[in-house]
Amino acid sequence: MSPDVLMFDPGDTPPVSVGAGCIRRDMVAPDGVRVWIVEISAGSQWPRVDIHDETGEVVMVLAGELIEGDRRFPAGSYLLYPPHSRHRPRTETGVRLFGFNLTPERNPS
């Protein structure tokens, strides 16, 4: 492996409880980027409406199924939440998500 590559085990990153059945792991990332893994237990819902700023959010469903309103997104789904969008995800089966947001200081506009 190149000495310029750093490797981190997501399981070594402490989980942060964000609500009943919802945890987030904030991953190491370059300045200006917020990278995270979220796990939502079966039958749980994100504890509040998630409102995005001018940078939006990118999400990949790693395992399980994410439900947004009446739409279901299985493992392998790649989701782009545009700037100023809002949502409150839930799951019936459990879900593991990988995502990132640019922090406002990295927004090119």
N, C-alpha and C. Protein backbone atom coordinates (compact mmCIF):
# COMPACT_ATOMS: atom_id res chain seq x y z
N MET A 1 0.85 -1.18 0.00
CA MET A 1 0.00 0.00 0.00
C MET A 1 0.89 1.24 0.00
N SER A 2 0.49 2.22 -0.75
CA SER A 2 1.22 3.48 -0.81
C SER A 2 1.27 4.12 0.57
N PRO A 3 2.41 4.70 0.95
CA PRO A 3 2.47 5.37 2.26
C PRO A 3 1.58 6.61 2.32
N ASP A 4 1.07 7.07 1.16
CA ASP A 4 0.20 8.24 1.13
C ASP A 4 -1.27 7.89 1.37
N VAL A 5 -1.56 6.61 1.57
CA VAL A 5 -2.93 6.17 1.79
C VAL A 5 -3.12 5.83 3.26
N LEU A 6 -4.16 6.38 3.85
CA LEU A 6 -4.49 6.06 5.23
C LEU A 6 -5.71 5.16 5.23
N MET A 7 -5.75 4.18 6.09
CA MET A 7 -6.88 3.25 6.16
C MET A 7 -7.47 3.32 7.56
N PHE A 8 -8.78 3.36 7.62
CA PHE A 8 -9.50 3.41 8.89
C PHE A 8 -10.58 2.36 8.87
N ASP A 9 -10.77 1.69 9.98
CA ASP A 9 -11.86 0.71 10.13
C ASP A 9 -13.07 1.45 10.69
N PRO A 10 -14.17 1.51 9.93
CA PRO A 10 -15.35 2.22 10.43
C PRO A 10 -15.82 1.71 11.79
N GLY A 11 -15.59 0.43 12.07
CA GLY A 11 -16.00 -0.12 13.36
C GLY A 11 -15.21 0.45 14.53
N ASP A 12 -14.05 1.05 14.25
CA ASP A 12 -13.25 1.68 15.30
C ASP A 12 -13.71 3.10 15.60
N THR A 13 -14.58 3.64 14.76
CA THR A 13 -15.10 5.00 14.95
C THR A 13 -16.26 4.95 15.94
N PRO A 14 -16.19 5.70 17.03
CA PRO A 14 -17.26 5.63 18.03
C PRO A 14 -18.62 6.03 17.47
N PRO A 15 -19.66 5.25 17.77
CA PRO A 15 -21.01 5.63 17.33
C PRO A 15 -21.57 6.76 18.18
N VAL A 16 -22.35 7.62 17.54
CA VAL A 16 -23.05 8.70 18.23
C VAL A 16 -24.54 8.44 18.08
N SER A 17 -25.24 8.34 19.19
CA SER A 17 -26.69 8.14 19.13
C SER A 17 -27.35 9.46 18.74
N VAL A 18 -28.16 9.41 17.68
CA VAL A 18 -28.86 10.62 17.24
C VAL A 18 -30.36 10.53 17.50
N GLY A 19 -30.78 9.40 18.04
CA GLY A 19 -32.19 9.17 18.35
C GLY A 19 -32.42 7.68 18.51
N ALA A 20 -33.61 7.32 18.92
CA ALA A 20 -33.93 5.90 19.13
C ALA A 20 -33.70 5.11 17.85
N GLY A 21 -32.82 4.12 17.93
CA GLY A 21 -32.57 3.25 16.79
C GLY A 21 -31.71 3.85 15.69
N CYS A 22 -31.11 5.02 15.94
CA CYS A 22 -30.32 5.70 14.91
C CYS A 22 -28.94 6.07 15.46
N ILE A 23 -27.89 5.57 14.79
CA ILE A 23 -26.53 5.97 15.18
C ILE A 23 -25.79 6.49 13.96
N ARG A 24 -24.81 7.34 14.24
CA ARG A 24 -23.97 7.92 13.19
C ARG A 24 -22.52 7.75 13.61
N ARG A 25 -21.68 7.43 12.63
CA ARG A 25 -20.23 7.39 12.85
C ARG A 25 -19.63 8.46 11.94
N ASP A 26 -18.97 9.44 12.54
CA ASP A 26 -18.34 10.52 11.78
C ASP A 26 -16.94 10.07 11.39
N MET A 27 -16.72 9.87 10.10
CA MET A 27 -15.48 9.32 9.60
C MET A 27 -14.43 10.41 9.39
N VAL A 28 -13.18 10.01 9.41
CA VAL A 28 -12.08 10.92 9.10
C VAL A 28 -12.25 11.37 7.65
N ALA A 29 -12.08 12.66 7.40
CA ALA A 29 -12.29 13.21 6.06
C ALA A 29 -11.42 14.45 5.87
N PRO A 30 -11.21 14.83 4.61
CA PRO A 30 -10.45 16.06 4.36
C PRO A 30 -11.24 17.28 4.84
N ASP A 31 -10.52 18.37 5.05
CA ASP A 31 -11.17 19.63 5.42
C ASP A 31 -12.26 19.97 4.41
N GLY A 32 -13.39 20.44 4.90
CA GLY A 32 -14.47 20.87 4.04
C GLY A 32 -15.43 19.78 3.61
N VAL A 33 -15.19 18.54 4.07
CA VAL A 33 -16.07 17.43 3.73
C VAL A 33 -16.46 16.70 5.02
N ARG A 34 -17.73 16.44 5.18
CA ARG A 34 -18.24 15.67 6.32
C ARG A 34 -18.65 14.30 5.78
N VAL A 35 -17.99 13.24 6.25
CA VAL A 35 -18.26 11.88 5.80
C VAL A 35 -18.80 11.09 6.98
N TRP A 36 -19.81 10.30 6.73
CA TRP A 36 -20.47 9.59 7.83
C TRP A 36 -21.05 8.25 7.38
N ILE A 37 -21.26 7.40 8.36
CA ILE A 37 -22.00 6.15 8.19
C ILE A 37 -23.14 6.22 9.19
N VAL A 38 -24.35 5.96 8.73
CA VAL A 38 -25.54 5.96 9.59
C VAL A 38 -26.15 4.57 9.56
N GLU A 39 -26.56 4.11 10.72
CA GLU A 39 -27.30 2.86 10.84
C GLU A 39 -28.62 3.15 11.52
N ILE A 40 -29.70 2.72 10.89
CA ILE A 40 -31.04 2.90 11.44
C ILE A 40 -31.62 1.51 11.63
N SER A 41 -32.03 1.20 12.84
CA SER A 41 -32.56 -0.12 13.17
C SER A 41 -33.92 -0.35 12.54
N ALA A 42 -34.24 -1.63 12.35
CA ALA A 42 -35.54 -2.01 11.78
C ALA A 42 -36.67 -1.34 12.55
N GLY A 43 -37.61 -0.77 11.80
CA GLY A 43 -38.77 -0.12 12.40
C GLY A 43 -38.52 1.27 12.94
N SER A 44 -37.33 1.83 12.70
CA SER A 44 -36.99 3.15 13.23
C SER A 44 -37.05 4.23 12.17
N GLN A 45 -37.09 5.47 12.63
CA GLN A 45 -37.13 6.64 11.76
C GLN A 45 -36.15 7.67 12.29
N TRP A 46 -35.53 8.42 11.37
CA TRP A 46 -34.63 9.50 11.78
C TRP A 46 -35.40 10.40 12.74
N PRO A 47 -34.79 10.85 13.82
CA PRO A 47 -35.55 11.52 14.88
C PRO A 47 -36.14 12.89 14.55
N ARG A 48 -35.71 13.48 13.45
CA ARG A 48 -36.23 14.81 13.08
C ARG A 48 -36.12 14.98 11.56
N VAL A 49 -36.75 15.99 11.05
CA VAL A 49 -36.62 16.30 9.62
C VAL A 49 -35.19 16.79 9.38
N ASP A 50 -34.53 16.19 8.41
CA ASP A 50 -33.16 16.54 8.05
C ASP A 50 -33.24 17.61 6.96
N ILE A 51 -32.77 18.81 7.28
CA ILE A 51 -32.84 19.94 6.35
C ILE A 51 -31.43 20.24 5.87
N HIS A 52 -31.24 20.25 4.54
CA HIS A 52 -29.92 20.46 3.96
C HIS A 52 -29.68 21.91 3.61
N ASP A 53 -28.43 22.31 3.73
CA ASP A 53 -28.06 23.68 3.39
C ASP A 53 -27.79 23.77 1.88
N GLU A 54 -27.01 24.74 1.50
CA GLU A 54 -26.76 24.97 0.07
C GLU A 54 -25.87 23.91 -0.58
N THR A 55 -25.34 22.96 0.21
CA THR A 55 -24.48 21.93 -0.37
C THR A 55 -25.20 20.61 -0.62
N GLY A 56 -26.38 20.42 -0.06
CA GLY A 56 -27.11 19.17 -0.25
C GLY A 56 -26.44 18.00 0.44
N GLU A 57 -26.71 16.79 -0.04
CA GLU A 57 -26.18 15.59 0.59
C GLU A 57 -26.15 14.45 -0.42
N VAL A 58 -25.16 13.60 -0.31
CA VAL A 58 -25.03 12.41 -1.16
C VAL A 58 -25.04 11.19 -0.25
N VAL A 59 -25.84 10.17 -0.63
CA VAL A 59 -26.00 8.98 0.21
C VAL A 59 -25.96 7.73 -0.65
N MET A 60 -25.30 6.69 -0.15
CA MET A 60 -25.30 5.37 -0.77
C MET A 60 -25.89 4.41 0.25
N VAL A 61 -26.90 3.64 -0.16
CA VAL A 61 -27.49 2.62 0.71
C VAL A 61 -26.58 1.39 0.63
N LEU A 62 -25.90 1.10 1.73
CA LEU A 62 -24.96 -0.03 1.76
C LEU A 62 -25.66 -1.36 2.01
N ALA A 63 -26.65 -1.34 2.89
CA ALA A 63 -27.35 -2.58 3.25
C ALA A 63 -28.76 -2.22 3.70
N GLY A 64 -29.69 -3.15 3.53
CA GLY A 64 -31.07 -2.93 3.95
C GLY A 64 -31.84 -2.09 2.96
N GLU A 65 -32.84 -1.38 3.49
CA GLU A 65 -33.72 -0.57 2.64
C GLU A 65 -34.06 0.73 3.35
N LEU A 66 -33.90 1.82 2.62
CA LEU A 66 -34.25 3.15 3.12
C LEU A 66 -35.61 3.53 2.53
N ILE A 67 -36.46 4.13 3.33
CA ILE A 67 -37.77 4.58 2.87
C ILE A 67 -37.84 6.09 3.04
N GLU A 68 -38.20 6.76 1.95
CA GLU A 68 -38.42 8.21 1.94
C GLU A 68 -39.83 8.44 1.43
N GLY A 69 -40.73 8.86 2.30
CA GLY A 69 -42.12 9.02 1.88
C GLY A 69 -42.67 7.67 1.46
N ASP A 70 -43.11 7.55 0.21
CA ASP A 70 -43.62 6.27 -0.29
C ASP A 70 -42.63 5.58 -1.22
N ARG A 71 -41.39 6.08 -1.29
CA ARG A 71 -40.36 5.48 -2.16
C ARG A 71 -39.40 4.63 -1.33
N ARG A 72 -39.04 3.48 -1.89
CA ARG A 72 -38.13 2.55 -1.22
C ARG A 72 -36.84 2.44 -2.02
N PHE A 73 -35.72 2.49 -1.30
CA PHE A 73 -34.42 2.44 -1.93
C PHE A 73 -33.63 1.28 -1.34
N PRO A 74 -33.39 0.23 -2.14
CA PRO A 74 -32.67 -0.94 -1.64
C PRO A 74 -31.15 -0.71 -1.63
N ALA A 75 -30.44 -1.67 -1.06
CA ALA A 75 -28.97 -1.63 -1.07
C ALA A 75 -28.49 -1.40 -2.49
N GLY A 76 -27.48 -0.55 -2.63
CA GLY A 76 -26.94 -0.21 -3.93
C GLY A 76 -27.49 1.08 -4.50
N SER A 77 -28.55 1.63 -3.88
CA SER A 77 -29.12 2.89 -4.36
C SER A 77 -28.18 4.04 -4.02
N TYR A 78 -28.03 4.94 -4.98
CA TYR A 78 -27.22 6.15 -4.82
C TYR A 78 -28.18 7.32 -4.88
N LEU A 79 -28.22 8.11 -3.81
CA LEU A 79 -29.21 9.18 -3.68
C LEU A 79 -28.53 10.54 -3.60
N LEU A 80 -29.07 11.49 -4.31
CA LEU A 80 -28.59 12.87 -4.24
C LEU A 80 -29.73 13.74 -3.73
N TYR A 81 -29.52 14.31 -2.56
CA TYR A 81 -30.49 15.24 -2.00
C TYR A 81 -30.02 16.64 -2.39
N PRO A 82 -30.78 17.38 -3.19
CA PRO A 82 -30.32 18.68 -3.67
C PRO A 82 -30.25 19.72 -2.55
N PRO A 83 -29.57 20.84 -2.82
CA PRO A 83 -29.51 21.92 -1.85
C PRO A 83 -30.92 22.32 -1.37
N HIS A 84 -31.01 22.59 -0.08
CA HIS A 84 -32.23 23.06 0.58
C HIS A 84 -33.35 22.02 0.60
N SER A 85 -33.01 20.76 0.30
CA SER A 85 -34.03 19.70 0.41
C SER A 85 -34.20 19.31 1.87
N ARG A 86 -35.28 18.59 2.12
CA ARG A 86 -35.57 18.11 3.47
C ARG A 86 -36.20 16.74 3.37
N HIS A 87 -35.92 15.92 4.36
CA HIS A 87 -36.47 14.56 4.38
C HIS A 87 -36.38 13.99 5.79
N ARG A 88 -37.10 12.92 6.01
CA ARG A 88 -37.06 12.22 7.30
C ARG A 88 -37.10 10.72 7.00
N PRO A 89 -35.93 10.11 6.79
CA PRO A 89 -35.88 8.71 6.38
C PRO A 89 -36.32 7.76 7.48
N ARG A 90 -36.75 6.59 7.02
CA ARG A 90 -37.13 5.52 7.94
C ARG A 90 -36.80 4.20 7.28
N THR A 91 -36.98 3.12 8.02
CA THR A 91 -36.75 1.79 7.48
C THR A 91 -37.61 0.78 8.22
N GLU A 92 -38.03 -0.23 7.52
CA GLU A 92 -38.75 -1.34 8.14
C GLU A 92 -37.81 -2.51 8.41
N THR A 93 -36.74 -2.62 7.61
CA THR A 93 -35.84 -3.76 7.68
C THR A 93 -34.52 -3.46 8.37
N GLY A 94 -34.23 -2.20 8.57
CA GLY A 94 -32.91 -1.77 9.01
C GLY A 94 -32.14 -1.30 7.79
N VAL A 95 -31.23 -0.35 7.98
CA VAL A 95 -30.48 0.19 6.85
C VAL A 95 -29.13 0.70 7.34
N ARG A 96 -28.14 0.58 6.46
CA ARG A 96 -26.81 1.16 6.71
C ARG A 96 -26.50 2.06 5.52
N LEU A 97 -26.15 3.31 5.82
CA LEU A 97 -25.92 4.33 4.80
C LEU A 97 -24.50 4.88 4.89
N PHE A 98 -23.95 5.23 3.75
CA PHE A 98 -22.68 5.95 3.68
C PHE A 98 -22.98 7.26 2.97
N GLY A 99 -22.51 8.36 3.52
CA GLY A 99 -22.81 9.62 2.87
C GLY A 99 -21.80 10.70 3.17
N PHE A 100 -21.97 11.79 2.43
CA PHE A 100 -21.13 12.95 2.72
C PHE A 100 -21.85 14.24 2.35
N ASN A 101 -21.39 15.29 2.98
CA ASN A 101 -21.85 16.66 2.73
C ASN A 101 -20.59 17.52 2.60
N LEU A 102 -20.63 18.46 1.68
CA LEU A 102 -19.60 19.49 1.70
C LEU A 102 -20.00 20.47 2.79
N THR A 103 -19.03 20.91 3.53
CA THR A 103 -19.35 21.91 4.54
C THR A 103 -19.45 23.26 3.82
N PRO A 104 -20.23 24.18 4.34
CA PRO A 104 -20.49 25.43 3.61
C PRO A 104 -19.25 26.16 3.13
N GLU A 105 -18.13 26.11 3.88
CA GLU A 105 -16.94 26.82 3.44
C GLU A 105 -16.31 26.22 2.19
N ARG A 106 -16.73 24.98 1.81
CA ARG A 106 -16.21 24.35 0.58
C ARG A 106 -17.15 24.55 -0.61
N ASN A 107 -18.31 25.12 -0.37
CA ASN A 107 -19.26 25.33 -1.45
C ASN A 107 -18.69 26.34 -2.43
N PRO A 108 -18.57 25.97 -3.72
CA PRO A 108 -17.94 26.86 -4.69
C PRO A 108 -18.76 28.09 -5.08
N SER A 109 -20.02 28.18 -4.68
CA SER A 109 -20.83 29.34 -5.11
C SER A 109 -20.59 30.55 -4.24
